[in-house]
Amino acid sequence: MHVGVAHHLGWAVLVAATSDSAVINRRRIELIDAALPAAPIHHHGGAHTLHRDGVQLDDGELSELVGRVLARGEPPPPAPHPARAGEKGPH
C-alpha cells in the first residue's frame, strides 16, 4: 500500500493506493478552522483587491488575524498511548 499527501491552503488531500496504483481511499482533510482565512495576508491585507473578500485590515488587525490563523494551525499535542498512560519514566 502507498499513502500520499498533497497540502494546499488550509486543507490537504490524502490518498491510499495499492502497489499497482489503484486508489483505495481519497479524503480531503481541513487543516485550519473554516471560520479563518487560509491566506490572511492575501485575503485581508494584500494589495490585490481582486482577491480581497472584505474591508482591508490595518497592520495591527492583520497581525492579530495572522496570529489567530497560526495558533489554529498548530496541531494539538498527541494524546498519551493508552498502554503507556500508567508508566513512569526512569527513576
N, C-alpha and C. Protein backbone atom coordinates (compact mmCIF):
# COMPACT_ATOMS: atom_id res chain seq x y z
N MET A 1 0.84 -1.17 0.00
CA MET A 1 0.00 0.00 0.00
C MET A 1 0.89 1.24 0.00
N HIS A 2 0.40 2.29 -0.65
CA HIS A 2 1.08 3.57 -0.70
C HIS A 2 0.13 4.64 -0.16
N VAL A 3 0.69 5.63 0.51
CA VAL A 3 -0.10 6.76 1.01
C VAL A 3 0.57 8.03 0.52
N GLY A 4 -0.25 8.93 0.00
CA GLY A 4 0.26 10.21 -0.48
C GLY A 4 -0.50 11.36 0.14
N VAL A 5 0.18 12.48 0.32
CA VAL A 5 -0.43 13.68 0.89
C VAL A 5 -0.05 14.86 0.01
N ALA A 6 -1.05 15.67 -0.32
CA ALA A 6 -0.80 16.92 -1.04
C ALA A 6 -1.47 18.03 -0.25
N HIS A 7 -0.67 18.97 0.26
CA HIS A 7 -1.26 20.03 1.07
C HIS A 7 -1.49 21.27 0.22
N HIS A 8 -2.52 22.00 0.59
CA HIS A 8 -2.92 23.22 -0.10
C HIS A 8 -3.11 24.30 0.95
N LEU A 9 -3.76 25.39 0.62
CA LEU A 9 -4.01 26.46 1.58
C LEU A 9 -5.15 26.06 2.52
N GLY A 10 -4.81 25.60 3.71
CA GLY A 10 -5.81 25.28 4.72
C GLY A 10 -6.41 23.90 4.64
N TRP A 11 -6.00 23.10 3.67
CA TRP A 11 -6.53 21.74 3.55
C TRP A 11 -5.51 20.86 2.86
N ALA A 12 -5.75 19.56 2.92
CA ALA A 12 -4.85 18.60 2.27
C ALA A 12 -5.68 17.46 1.71
N VAL A 13 -5.11 16.75 0.76
CA VAL A 13 -5.72 15.54 0.21
C VAL A 13 -4.82 14.38 0.60
N LEU A 14 -5.44 13.33 1.16
CA LEU A 14 -4.72 12.11 1.48
C LEU A 14 -5.25 11.00 0.58
N VAL A 15 -4.34 10.24 -0.02
CA VAL A 15 -4.73 9.17 -0.93
C VAL A 15 -4.02 7.89 -0.50
N ALA A 16 -4.80 6.81 -0.45
CA ALA A 16 -4.23 5.48 -0.20
C ALA A 16 -4.42 4.66 -1.47
N ALA A 17 -3.36 3.98 -1.91
CA ALA A 17 -3.43 3.20 -3.15
C ALA A 17 -2.72 1.88 -2.97
N THR A 18 -3.11 0.92 -3.78
CA THR A 18 -2.46 -0.39 -3.77
C THR A 18 -1.10 -0.26 -4.45
N SER A 19 -0.32 -1.32 -4.40
CA SER A 19 1.01 -1.29 -5.01
C SER A 19 0.94 -1.15 -6.53
N ASP A 20 -0.22 -1.49 -7.13
CA ASP A 20 -0.36 -1.29 -8.58
C ASP A 20 -1.14 0.00 -8.91
N SER A 21 -1.17 0.93 -7.94
CA SER A 21 -1.71 2.29 -8.10
C SER A 21 -3.23 2.40 -8.18
N ALA A 22 -3.95 1.39 -7.76
CA ALA A 22 -5.41 1.51 -7.69
C ALA A 22 -5.75 2.27 -6.41
N VAL A 23 -6.54 3.34 -6.53
CA VAL A 23 -6.91 4.16 -5.38
C VAL A 23 -7.88 3.39 -4.49
N ILE A 24 -7.53 3.28 -3.22
CA ILE A 24 -8.38 2.62 -2.23
C ILE A 24 -9.25 3.65 -1.53
N ASN A 25 -8.66 4.79 -1.19
CA ASN A 25 -9.37 5.82 -0.45
C ASN A 25 -8.74 7.18 -0.76
N ARG A 26 -9.57 8.20 -0.83
CA ARG A 26 -9.10 9.56 -1.04
C ARG A 26 -9.95 10.46 -0.14
N ARG A 27 -9.29 11.32 0.64
CA ARG A 27 -10.01 12.19 1.57
C ARG A 27 -9.42 13.59 1.57
N ARG A 28 -10.32 14.56 1.74
CA ARG A 28 -9.90 15.94 1.96
C ARG A 28 -9.92 16.16 3.46
N ILE A 29 -8.84 16.72 3.98
CA ILE A 29 -8.70 16.98 5.40
C ILE A 29 -8.54 18.49 5.59
N GLU A 30 -9.40 19.09 6.40
CA GLU A 30 -9.28 20.51 6.70
C GLU A 30 -8.15 20.69 7.72
N LEU A 31 -7.26 21.64 7.48
CA LEU A 31 -6.12 21.85 8.35
C LEU A 31 -6.30 23.01 9.32
N ILE A 32 -7.19 23.94 8.99
CA ILE A 32 -7.47 25.05 9.89
C ILE A 32 -8.97 25.25 10.01
N ASP A 33 -9.37 25.96 11.01
CA ASP A 33 -10.78 26.26 11.27
C ASP A 33 -11.40 26.94 10.04
N ALA A 34 -12.57 26.47 9.62
CA ALA A 34 -13.23 27.03 8.44
C ALA A 34 -13.61 28.50 8.62
N ALA A 35 -13.70 28.98 9.86
CA ALA A 35 -14.05 30.38 10.11
C ALA A 35 -12.87 31.33 9.88
N LEU A 36 -11.67 30.78 9.70
CA LEU A 36 -10.48 31.61 9.49
C LEU A 36 -10.02 31.51 8.04
N PRO A 37 -9.46 32.58 7.50
CA PRO A 37 -8.95 32.52 6.13
C PRO A 37 -7.65 31.72 6.06
N ALA A 38 -7.52 30.93 5.01
CA ALA A 38 -6.29 30.14 4.83
C ALA A 38 -5.11 31.01 4.44
N ALA A 39 -5.39 32.15 3.83
CA ALA A 39 -4.34 33.07 3.38
C ALA A 39 -4.71 34.48 3.84
N PRO A 40 -4.51 34.78 5.12
CA PRO A 40 -5.00 36.05 5.65
C PRO A 40 -4.37 37.29 5.00
N ILE A 41 -3.10 37.23 4.66
CA ILE A 41 -2.47 38.39 4.03
C ILE A 41 -3.09 38.61 2.65
N HIS A 42 -3.23 37.56 1.91
CA HIS A 42 -3.77 37.62 0.56
C HIS A 42 -5.24 38.07 0.56
N HIS A 43 -6.02 37.53 1.50
CA HIS A 43 -7.46 37.80 1.51
C HIS A 43 -7.86 39.07 2.25
N HIS A 44 -7.04 39.53 3.20
CA HIS A 44 -7.45 40.66 4.04
C HIS A 44 -6.46 41.81 4.08
N GLY A 45 -5.25 41.60 3.62
CA GLY A 45 -4.29 42.68 3.76
C GLY A 45 -3.44 42.92 2.54
N GLY A 46 -3.64 42.09 1.53
CA GLY A 46 -2.81 42.22 0.35
C GLY A 46 -3.19 43.41 -0.51
N ALA A 47 -2.32 43.73 -1.43
CA ALA A 47 -2.52 44.88 -2.32
C ALA A 47 -3.48 44.56 -3.46
N HIS A 48 -3.74 43.29 -3.69
CA HIS A 48 -4.57 42.89 -4.83
C HIS A 48 -6.05 42.87 -4.44
N THR A 49 -6.79 43.89 -4.85
CA THR A 49 -8.21 43.99 -4.49
C THR A 49 -9.04 42.87 -5.10
N LEU A 50 -8.57 42.27 -6.18
CA LEU A 50 -9.30 41.18 -6.83
C LEU A 50 -9.55 40.03 -5.86
N HIS A 51 -8.60 39.78 -4.96
CA HIS A 51 -8.71 38.62 -4.07
C HIS A 51 -9.24 38.95 -2.69
N ARG A 52 -9.45 40.20 -2.38
CA ARG A 52 -9.95 40.56 -1.05
C ARG A 52 -11.42 40.23 -0.93
N ASP A 53 -11.82 39.80 0.25
CA ASP A 53 -13.24 39.48 0.48
C ASP A 53 -13.80 40.33 1.61
N GLY A 54 -13.45 41.57 1.66
CA GLY A 54 -13.96 42.46 2.70
C GLY A 54 -13.10 43.70 2.80
N VAL A 55 -13.27 44.40 3.90
CA VAL A 55 -12.51 45.62 4.14
C VAL A 55 -11.06 45.28 4.42
N GLN A 56 -10.13 46.03 3.84
CA GLN A 56 -8.72 45.80 4.10
C GLN A 56 -8.41 46.14 5.55
N LEU A 57 -7.72 45.24 6.23
CA LEU A 57 -7.36 45.43 7.63
C LEU A 57 -6.11 46.29 7.75
N ASP A 58 -6.01 47.04 8.85
CA ASP A 58 -4.77 47.79 9.09
C ASP A 58 -3.72 46.81 9.62
N ASP A 59 -2.49 47.27 9.80
CA ASP A 59 -1.39 46.39 10.19
C ASP A 59 -1.65 45.66 11.50
N GLY A 60 -2.19 46.35 12.50
CA GLY A 60 -2.45 45.72 13.80
C GLY A 60 -3.52 44.65 13.71
N GLU A 61 -4.61 44.94 12.98
CA GLU A 61 -5.69 43.97 12.81
C GLU A 61 -5.20 42.76 12.01
N LEU A 62 -4.42 43.01 11.00
CA LEU A 62 -3.89 41.93 10.17
C LEU A 62 -2.94 41.04 10.98
N SER A 63 -2.10 41.67 11.78
CA SER A 63 -1.17 40.92 12.63
C SER A 63 -1.93 40.02 13.60
N GLU A 64 -3.01 40.53 14.18
CA GLU A 64 -3.82 39.74 15.12
C GLU A 64 -4.48 38.57 14.39
N LEU A 65 -4.99 38.81 13.17
CA LEU A 65 -5.62 37.75 12.39
C LEU A 65 -4.61 36.67 12.02
N VAL A 66 -3.43 37.06 11.59
CA VAL A 66 -2.38 36.10 11.25
C VAL A 66 -2.03 35.26 12.49
N GLY A 67 -1.95 35.89 13.65
CA GLY A 67 -1.67 35.16 14.89
C GLY A 67 -2.74 34.12 15.19
N ARG A 68 -4.01 34.49 14.97
CA ARG A 68 -5.10 33.52 15.20
C ARG A 68 -5.02 32.35 14.23
N VAL A 69 -4.72 32.64 12.96
CA VAL A 69 -4.60 31.57 11.96
C VAL A 69 -3.45 30.64 12.32
N LEU A 70 -2.30 31.21 12.68
CA LEU A 70 -1.15 30.39 13.06
C LEU A 70 -1.45 29.54 14.29
N ALA A 71 -2.12 30.12 15.28
CA ALA A 71 -2.43 29.38 16.50
C ALA A 71 -3.38 28.22 16.21
N ARG A 72 -4.35 28.41 15.31
CA ARG A 72 -5.30 27.36 15.00
C ARG A 72 -4.70 26.29 14.10
N GLY A 73 -3.61 26.63 13.40
CA GLY A 73 -2.97 25.67 12.52
C GLY A 73 -2.02 24.73 13.23
N GLU A 74 -1.71 25.04 14.49
CA GLU A 74 -0.82 24.17 15.26
C GLU A 74 -1.56 22.91 15.66
N PRO A 75 -0.97 21.75 15.43
CA PRO A 75 -1.65 20.53 15.85
C PRO A 75 -1.67 20.42 17.37
N PRO A 76 -2.72 19.79 17.90
CA PRO A 76 -2.75 19.59 19.35
C PRO A 76 -1.67 18.61 19.77
N PRO A 77 -1.23 18.66 21.02
CA PRO A 77 -0.23 17.68 21.46
C PRO A 77 -0.81 16.29 21.39
N PRO A 78 0.00 15.30 21.07
CA PRO A 78 -0.52 13.94 20.96
C PRO A 78 -1.01 13.42 22.32
N ALA A 79 -2.07 12.64 22.27
CA ALA A 79 -2.58 12.02 23.50
C ALA A 79 -1.64 10.88 23.88
N PRO A 80 -1.48 10.63 25.16
CA PRO A 80 -0.62 9.51 25.56
C PRO A 80 -1.20 8.19 25.08
N HIS A 81 -0.35 7.29 24.70
CA HIS A 81 -0.79 5.96 24.26
C HIS A 81 -1.40 5.26 25.47
N PRO A 82 -2.61 4.65 25.32
CA PRO A 82 -3.28 4.02 26.47
C PRO A 82 -2.41 2.99 27.20
N ALA A 83 -1.61 2.26 26.45
CA ALA A 83 -0.78 1.23 27.09
C ALA A 83 0.33 1.84 27.94
N ARG A 84 0.67 3.10 27.69
CA ARG A 84 1.75 3.74 28.41
C ARG A 84 1.27 4.78 29.43
N ALA A 85 -0.03 4.97 29.52
CA ALA A 85 -0.57 6.02 30.37
C ALA A 85 -0.13 5.87 31.84
N GLY A 86 -0.03 4.64 32.33
CA GLY A 86 0.33 4.43 33.73
C GLY A 86 1.82 4.29 33.97
N GLU A 87 2.61 4.23 32.90
CA GLU A 87 4.06 4.05 33.05
C GLU A 87 4.71 5.31 33.58
N LYS A 88 5.78 5.12 34.32
CA LYS A 88 6.58 6.24 34.81
C LYS A 88 7.95 6.15 34.16
N GLY A 89 8.58 7.29 34.03
CA GLY A 89 9.92 7.34 33.46
C GLY A 89 10.94 6.67 34.35
N PRO A 90 12.19 6.64 33.92
CA PRO A 90 13.23 6.02 34.73
C PRO A 90 13.41 6.77 36.06
N HIS A 91 13.74 6.04 37.09
CA HIS A 91 13.86 6.64 38.44
C HIS A 91 15.25 7.13 38.66
